[in-house]
PDB file of N, CA and C in Angstrom:
ATOM      1  N   UNK A   1     127.549 246.355 287.455  1.00  0.00           N
ATOM      2  CA  UNK A   1     126.685 247.020 288.401  1.00  0.00           C
ATOM      3  C   UNK A   1     125.538 247.738 287.726  1.00  0.00           C
ATOM      4  N   UNK A   2     124.912 247.238 286.729  1.00  0.00           N
ATOM      5  CA  UNK A   2     123.699 247.799 286.164  1.00  0.00           C
ATOM      6  C   UNK A   2     123.873 248.971 285.237  1.00  0.00           C
ATOM      7  N   UNK A   3     124.899 249.760 285.405  1.00  0.00           N
ATOM      8  CA  UNK A   3     125.140 250.885 284.520  1.00  0.00           C
ATOM      9  C   UNK A   3     124.170 252.036 284.683  1.00  0.00           C
ATOM     10  N   UNK A   4     123.535 252.177 285.863  1.00  0.00           N
ATOM     11  CA  UNK A   4     122.594 253.276 286.049  1.00  0.00           C
ATOM     12  C   UNK A   4     123.335 254.538 286.478  1.00  0.00           C
ATOM     13  N   UNK A   5     122.815 255.678 286.094  1.00  0.00           N
ATOM     14  CA  UNK A   5     123.424 256.961 286.432  1.00  0.00           C
ATOM     15  C   UNK A   5     123.076 257.336 287.867  1.00  0.00           C
ATOM     16  N   UNK A   6     123.984 257.991 288.548  1.00  0.00           N
ATOM     17  CA  UNK A   6     123.766 258.412 289.923  1.00  0.00           C
ATOM     18  C   UNK A   6     122.847 259.634 289.958  1.00  0.00           C
ATOM     19  N   UNK A   7     121.816 259.572 290.815  1.00  0.00           N
ATOM     20  CA  UNK A   7     120.871 260.686 290.945  1.00  0.00           C
ATOM     21  C   UNK A   7     121.076 261.441 292.254  1.00  0.00           C
ATOM     22  N   UNK A   8     121.982 260.961 293.123  1.00  0.00           N
ATOM     23  CA  UNK A   8     122.218 261.612 294.401  1.00  0.00           C
ATOM     24  C   UNK A   8     121.253 261.139 295.480  1.00  0.00           C
ATOM     25  N   UNK A   9     120.335 260.266 295.165  1.00  0.00           N
ATOM     26  CA  UNK A   9     119.383 259.745 296.150  1.00  0.00           C
ATOM     27  C   UNK A   9     119.917 258.440 296.723  1.00  0.00           C
ATOM     28  N   UNK A  10     119.411 258.066 297.891  1.00  0.00           N
ATOM     29  CA  UNK A  10     119.856 256.838 298.540  1.00  0.00           C
ATOM     30  C   UNK A  10     119.125 255.606 298.011  1.00  0.00           C
ATOM     31  N   UNK A  11     118.094 255.800 297.244  1.00  0.00           N
ATOM     32  CA  UNK A  11     117.311 254.675 296.741  1.00  0.00           C
ATOM     33  C   UNK A  11     116.840 254.976 295.319  1.00  0.00           C
ATOM     34  N   UNK A  12     116.438 253.939 294.625  1.00  0.00           N
ATOM     35  CA  UNK A  12     115.866 254.116 293.282  1.00  0.00           C
ATOM     36  C   UNK A  12     114.830 253.035 293.030  1.00  0.00           C
ATOM     37  N   UNK A  13     113.867 253.353 292.205  1.00  0.00           N
ATOM     38  CA  UNK A  13     112.796 252.439 291.829  1.00  0.00           C
ATOM     39  C   UNK A  13     112.755 252.386 290.309  1.00  0.00           C
ATOM     40  N   UNK A  14     112.830 251.200 289.752  1.00  0.00           N
ATOM     41  CA  UNK A  14     112.884 251.042 288.300  1.00  0.00           C
ATOM     42  C   UNK A  14     111.799 250.065 287.848  1.00  0.00           C
ATOM     43  N   UNK A  15     111.047 250.456 286.809  1.00  0.00           N
ATOM     44  CA  UNK A  15     110.013 249.615 286.211  1.00  0.00           C
ATOM     45  C   UNK A  15     110.443 249.230 284.803  1.00  0.00           C
ATOM     46  N   UNK A  16     110.122 248.009 284.392  1.00  0.00           N
ATOM     47  CA  UNK A  16     110.403 247.604 283.017  1.00  0.00           C
ATOM     48  C   UNK A  16     109.329 246.633 282.536  1.00  0.00           C
ATOM     49  N   UNK A  17     109.088 246.650 281.234  1.00  0.00           N
ATOM     50  CA  UNK A  17     108.119 245.756 280.606  1.00  0.00           C
ATOM     51  C   UNK A  17     108.782 245.134 279.386  1.00  0.00           C
ATOM     52  N   UNK A  18     108.603 243.833 279.225  1.00  0.00           N
ATOM     53  CA  UNK A  18     109.117 243.114 278.067  1.00  0.00           C
ATOM     54  C   UNK A  18     107.958 242.369 277.430  1.00  0.00           C
ATOM     55  N   UNK A  19     107.794 242.527 276.130  1.00  0.00           N
ATOM     56  CA  UNK A  19     106.711 241.865 275.409  1.00  0.00           C
ATOM     57  C   UNK A  19     107.282 240.973 274.316  1.00  0.00           C
ATOM     58  N   UNK A  20     106.775 239.754 274.221  1.00  0.00           N
ATOM     59  CA  UNK A  20     107.177 238.810 273.190  1.00  0.00           C
ATOM     60  C   UNK A  20     105.980 238.505 272.304  1.00  0.00           C
ATOM     61  N   UNK A  21     106.173 238.577 271.008  1.00  0.00           N
ATOM     62  CA  UNK A  21     105.137 238.297 270.023  1.00  0.00           C
ATOM     63  C   UNK A  21     103.921 239.218 270.225  1.00  0.00           C
ATOM     64  N   UNK A  22     104.170 240.507 270.248  1.00  0.00           N
ATOM     65  CA  UNK A  22     103.139 241.516 270.507  1.00  0.00           C
ATOM     66  C   UNK A  22     101.998 241.448 269.491  1.00  0.00           C
ATOM     67  N   UNK A  23     102.326 241.193 268.231  1.00  0.00           N
ATOM     68  CA  UNK A  23     101.306 241.187 267.180  1.00  0.00           C
ATOM     69  C   UNK A  23     100.632 239.831 267.031  1.00  0.00           C
ATOM     70  N   UNK A  24     100.951 238.866 267.919  1.00  0.00           N
ATOM     71  CA  UNK A  24     100.297 237.567 267.992  1.00  0.00           C
ATOM     72  C   UNK A  24     100.416 236.777 266.691  1.00  0.00           C
ATOM     73  N   UNK A  25     101.605 236.755 266.097  1.00  0.00           N
ATOM     74  CA  UNK A  25     101.867 235.923 264.928  1.00  0.00           C
ATOM     75  C   UNK A  25     102.172 234.512 265.400  1.00  0.00           C
ATOM     76  N   UNK A  26     101.330 233.563 265.046  1.00  0.00           N
ATOM     77  CA  UNK A  26     101.505 232.188 265.479  1.00  0.00           C
ATOM     78  C   UNK A  26     102.295 231.426 264.424  1.00  0.00           C
ATOM     79  N   UNK A  27     103.361 230.755 264.845  1.00  0.00           N
ATOM     80  CA  UNK A  27     104.178 229.940 263.953  1.00  0.00           C
ATOM     81  C   UNK A  27     103.684 228.501 264.031  1.00  0.00           C
ATOM     82  N   UNK A  28     103.033 228.059 262.973  1.00  0.00           N
ATOM     83  CA  UNK A  28     102.492 226.706 262.939  1.00  0.00           C
ATOM     84  C   UNK A  28     103.562 225.706 262.562  1.00  0.00           C
ATOM     85  N   UNK A  29     103.363 224.446 262.964  1.00  0.00           N
ATOM     86  CA  UNK A  29     104.278 223.363 262.633  1.00  0.00           C
ATOM     87  C   UNK A  29     104.067 222.900 261.200  1.00  0.00           C
ATOM     88  N   UNK A  30     104.763 221.833 260.833  1.00  0.00           N
ATOM     89  CA  UNK A  30     104.646 221.280 259.487  1.00  0.00           C
ATOM     90  C   UNK A  30     103.235 220.747 259.237  1.00  0.00           C
ATOM     91  N   UNK A  31     102.719 220.888 258.019  1.00  0.00           N
ATOM     92  CA  UNK A  31     101.378 220.369 257.708  1.00  0.00           C
ATOM     93  C   UNK A  31     101.385 218.845 257.620  1.00  0.00           C
ATOM     94  N   UNK A  32     100.201 218.263 257.789  1.00  0.00           N
ATOM     95  CA  UNK A  32     100.030 216.814 257.683  1.00  0.00           C
ATOM     96  C   UNK A  32     100.229 216.412 256.226  1.00  0.00           C
ATOM     97  N   UNK A  33     101.001 215.352 255.994  1.00  0.00           N
ATOM     98  CA  UNK A  33     101.319 214.935 254.629  1.00  0.00           C
ATOM     99  C   UNK A  33     100.627 213.668 254.178  1.00  0.00           C
ATOM    100  N   UNK A  34      99.751 213.081 255.000  1.00  0.00           N
ATOM    101  CA  UNK A  34      99.044 211.858 254.635  1.00  0.00           C
ATOM    102  C   UNK A  34      97.857 212.196 253.750  1.00  0.00           C
ATOM    103  N   UNK A  35      97.823 211.627 252.560  1.00  0.00           N
ATOM    104  CA  UNK A  35      96.774 211.969 251.591  1.00  0.00           C
ATOM    105  C   UNK A  35      95.374 211.595 252.061  1.00  0.00           C
ATOM    106  N   UNK A  36      95.227 210.507 252.805  1.00  0.00           N
ATOM    107  CA  UNK A  36      93.910 210.048 253.255  1.00  0.00           C
ATOM    108  C   UNK A  36      93.405 210.796 254.484  1.00  0.00           C
ATOM    109  N   UNK A  37      94.223 211.624 255.083  1.00  0.00           N
ATOM    110  CA  UNK A  37      93.842 212.332 256.298  1.00  0.00           C
ATOM    111  C   UNK A  37      92.922 213.510 255.979  1.00  0.00           C
ATOM    112  N   UNK A  38      91.890 213.741 256.823  1.00  0.00           N
ATOM    113  CA  UNK A  38      91.043 214.926 256.627  1.00  0.00           C
ATOM    114  C   UNK A  38      91.803 216.231 256.897  1.00  0.00           C
ATOM    115  N   UNK A  39      92.962 216.129 257.538  1.00  0.00           N
ATOM    116  CA  UNK A  39      93.780 217.302 257.843  1.00  0.00           C
ATOM    117  C   UNK A  39      94.930 217.471 256.849  1.00  0.00           C
ATOM    118  N   UNK A  40      94.832 216.841 255.684  1.00  0.00           N
ATOM    119  CA  UNK A  40      95.910 216.927 254.697  1.00  0.00           C
ATOM    120  C   UNK A  40      96.212 218.386 254.359  1.00  0.00           C
ATOM    121  N   UNK A  41      97.481 218.719 254.356  1.00  0.00           N
ATOM    122  CA  UNK A  41      97.997 220.052 254.033  1.00  0.00           C
ATOM    123  C   UNK A  41      97.570 221.130 255.034  1.00  0.00           C
ATOM    124  N   UNK A  42      97.186 220.701 256.238  1.00  0.00           N
ATOM    125  CA  UNK A  42      96.859 221.637 257.319  1.00  0.00           C
ATOM    126  C   UNK A  42      97.741 221.330 258.511  1.00  0.00           C
ATOM    127  N   UNK A  43      98.161 222.346 259.218  1.00  0.00           N
ATOM    128  CA  UNK A  43      98.985 222.156 260.405  1.00  0.00           C
ATOM    129  C   UNK A  43      98.098 221.859 261.604  1.00  0.00           C
ATOM    130  N   UNK A  44      98.489 220.881 262.407  1.00  0.00           N
ATOM    131  CA  UNK A  44      97.731 220.531 263.607  1.00  0.00           C
ATOM    132  C   UNK A  44      98.537 220.783 264.887  1.00  0.00           C
ATOM    133  N   UNK A  45      99.677 221.491 264.761  1.00  0.00           N
ATOM    134  CA  UNK A  45     100.515 221.769 265.926  1.00  0.00           C
ATOM    135  C   UNK A  45     101.223 223.113 265.757  1.00  0.00           C
ATOM    136  N   UNK A  46     101.831 223.550 266.828  1.00  0.00           N
ATOM    137  CA  UNK A  46     102.651 224.755 266.786  1.00  0.00           C
ATOM    138  C   UNK A  46     104.086 224.378 266.481  1.00  0.00           C
ATOM    139  N   UNK A  47     104.838 225.306 265.943  1.00  0.00           N
ATOM    140  CA  UNK A  47     106.243 225.052 265.609  1.00  0.00           C
ATOM    141  C   UNK A  47     107.036 224.817 266.881  1.00  0.00           C
ATOM    142  N   UNK A  48     107.958 223.896 266.823  1.00  0.00           N
ATOM    143  CA  UNK A  48     108.832 223.605 267.952  1.00  0.00           C
ATOM    144  C   UNK A  48     110.197 224.232 267.724  1.00  0.00           C
ATOM    145  N   UNK A  49     111.099 223.974 268.617  1.00  0.00           N
ATOM    146  CA  UNK A  49     112.445 224.490 268.475  1.00  0.00           C
ATOM    147  C   UNK A  49     112.873 225.279 269.689  1.00  0.00           C
ATOM    148  N   UNK A  50     114.125 225.706 269.699  1.00  0.00           N
ATOM    149  CA  UNK A  50     114.646 226.394 270.890  1.00  0.00           C
ATOM    150  C   UNK A  50     114.045 227.777 271.133  1.00  0.00           C
ATOM    151  N   UNK A  51     113.480 228.420 270.110  1.00  0.00           N
ATOM    152  CA  UNK A  51     112.941 229.770 270.289  1.00  0.00           C
ATOM    153  C   UNK A  51     111.423 229.811 270.289  1.00  0.00           C
ATOM    154  N   UNK A  52     110.749 228.676 270.310  1.00  0.00           N
ATOM    155  CA  UNK A  52     109.289 228.668 270.319  1.00  0.00           C
ATOM    156  C   UNK A  52     108.783 228.755 271.749  1.00  0.00           C
ATOM    157  N   UNK A  53     107.560 229.232 271.918  1.00  0.00           N
ATOM    158  CA  UNK A  53     106.985 229.404 273.242  1.00  0.00           C
ATOM    159  C   UNK A  53     106.053 228.265 273.614  1.00  0.00           C
ATOM    160  N   UNK A  54     105.599 227.480 272.667  1.00  0.00           N
ATOM    161  CA  UNK A  54     104.818 226.294 272.947  1.00  0.00           C
ATOM    162  C   UNK A  54     103.428 226.530 273.496  1.00  0.00           C
ATOM    163  N   UNK A  55     103.290 227.017 274.714  1.00  0.00           N
ATOM    164  CA  UNK A  55     101.986 227.088 275.347  1.00  0.00           C
ATOM    165  C   UNK A  55     101.227 228.381 275.081  1.00  0.00           C
ATOM    166  N   UNK A  56     101.901 229.473 274.823  1.00  0.00           N
ATOM    167  CA  UNK A  56     101.229 230.750 274.628  1.00  0.00           C
ATOM    168  C   UNK A  56     101.825 231.494 273.444  1.00  0.00           C
ATOM    169  N   UNK A  57     100.973 232.119 272.669  1.00  0.00           N
ATOM    170  CA  UNK A  57     101.456 232.845 271.497  1.00  0.00           C
ATOM    171  C   UNK A  57     101.957 234.239 271.862  1.00  0.00           C
ATOM    172  N   UNK A  58     101.421 234.838 272.897  1.00  0.00           N
ATOM    173  CA  UNK A  58     101.816 236.199 273.292  1.00  0.00           C
ATOM    174  C   UNK A  58     102.137 236.210 274.779  1.00  0.00           C
ATOM    175  N   UNK A  59     103.253 236.861 275.142  1.00  0.00           N
ATOM    176  CA  UNK A  59     103.636 236.968 276.551  1.00  0.00           C
ATOM    177  C   UNK A  59     104.078 238.392 276.861  1.00  0.00           C
ATOM    178  N   UNK A  60     103.697 238.854 278.036  1.00  0.00           N
ATOM    179  CA  UNK A  60     104.100 240.177 278.501  1.00  0.00           C
ATOM    180  C   UNK A  60     104.618 240.023 279.933  1.00  0.00           C
ATOM    181  N   UNK A  61     105.839 240.516 280.165  1.00  0.00           N
ATOM    182  CA  UNK A  61     106.465 240.445 281.480  1.00  0.00           C
ATOM    183  C   UNK A  61     106.605 241.859 282.032  1.00  0.00           C
ATOM    184  N   UNK A  62     106.279 242.037 283.307  1.00  0.00           N
ATOM    185  CA  UNK A  62     106.472 243.321 283.987  1.00  0.00           C
ATOM    186  C   UNK A  62     107.400 243.090 285.170  1.00  0.00           C
ATOM    187  N   UNK A  63     108.311 244.038 285.397  1.00  0.00           N
ATOM    188  CA  UNK A  63     109.283 243.896 286.463  1.00  0.00           C
ATOM    189  C   UNK A  63     109.453 245.223 287.189  1.00  0.00           C
ATOM    190  N   UNK A  64     109.641 245.151 288.479  1.00  0.00           N
ATOM    191  CA  UNK A  64     109.905 246.325 289.297  1.00  0.00           C
ATOM    192  C   UNK A  64     111.085 246.003 290.197  1.00  0.00           C
ATOM    193  N   UNK A  65     112.074 246.900 290.271  1.00  0.00           N
ATOM    194  CA  UNK A  65     113.206 246.674 291.158  1.00  0.00           C
ATOM    195  C   UNK A  65     113.430 247.904 292.032  1.00  0.00           C
ATOM    196  N   UNK A  66     113.715 247.658 293.284  1.00  0.00           N
ATOM    197  CA  UNK A  66     113.973 248.704 294.255  1.00  0.00           C
ATOM    198  C   UNK A  66     115.389 248.524 294.770  1.00  0.00           C
ATOM    199  N   UNK A  67     116.211 249.545 294.597  1.00  0.00           N
ATOM    200  CA  UNK A  67     117.612 249.501 295.018  1.00  0.00           C
ATOM    201  C   UNK A  67     117.844 250.536 296.115  1.00  0.00           C
ATOM    202  N   UNK A  68     118.656 250.148 297.080  1.00  0.00           N
ATOM    203  CA  UNK A  68     119.012 251.100 298.146  1.00  0.00           C
ATOM    204  C   UNK A  68     120.430 250.911 298.579  1.00  0.00           C
TER     205      UNK A  68
END
């Protein structure tokens, strides 16, 4: 049940903010390994995997809940 302390009121309003990658550190993918490529030793993609965000480097979520 949320674990909130009782204030004696019939209702409550709660705000929360969650931020991911606040300092905007971008995790690049593996660099190109083809010697003849103009992009040799440079990354041309973002890192993949279960914890990557793919489309955006920084995300901020805001939430408001009203309980009665």
